[in-house]
Amino acid sequence: FDMGFEPQVRSIVGQIRPDRQTLLFSATFKKSVEELARDILTDPIRINIGSVGQSNIDIKQIVVVIEQSQKAAWTLPNLTFLLPERSVLTFVSMKAPAHV
């Protein structure tokens, strides 16, 4: 939604049958996503896994703030250090720069 997909979602929903069954999944539910869900869903049910606003206690979080120009240089060598932890989830703001 940060990239402006809300109008397209609303347009699609407006073109499908009103007696539809709609499911909406999100790992994070920002206020704008919650408002959209309330607008387009009939009798929505919210299911939370874990505590809202907290990470699972089994997840190790590492936050590293790096200057834009240093991100690739830091990330590539450190991924090998982080991979023994089993899984690495990296958040990026745009898909294109993530393809290194």
Foldseek 3Di string as FASTA:
>chain_A
DVVPCVVVVVVVLVPDDLVDDDDDDDPDQDPVNVVSCVVRDDPDDDDDDDDPPDDDPLDDDDDDDDDPVCVVVPPPVCVVVVCVVPDDDDDDPDDVVVPD
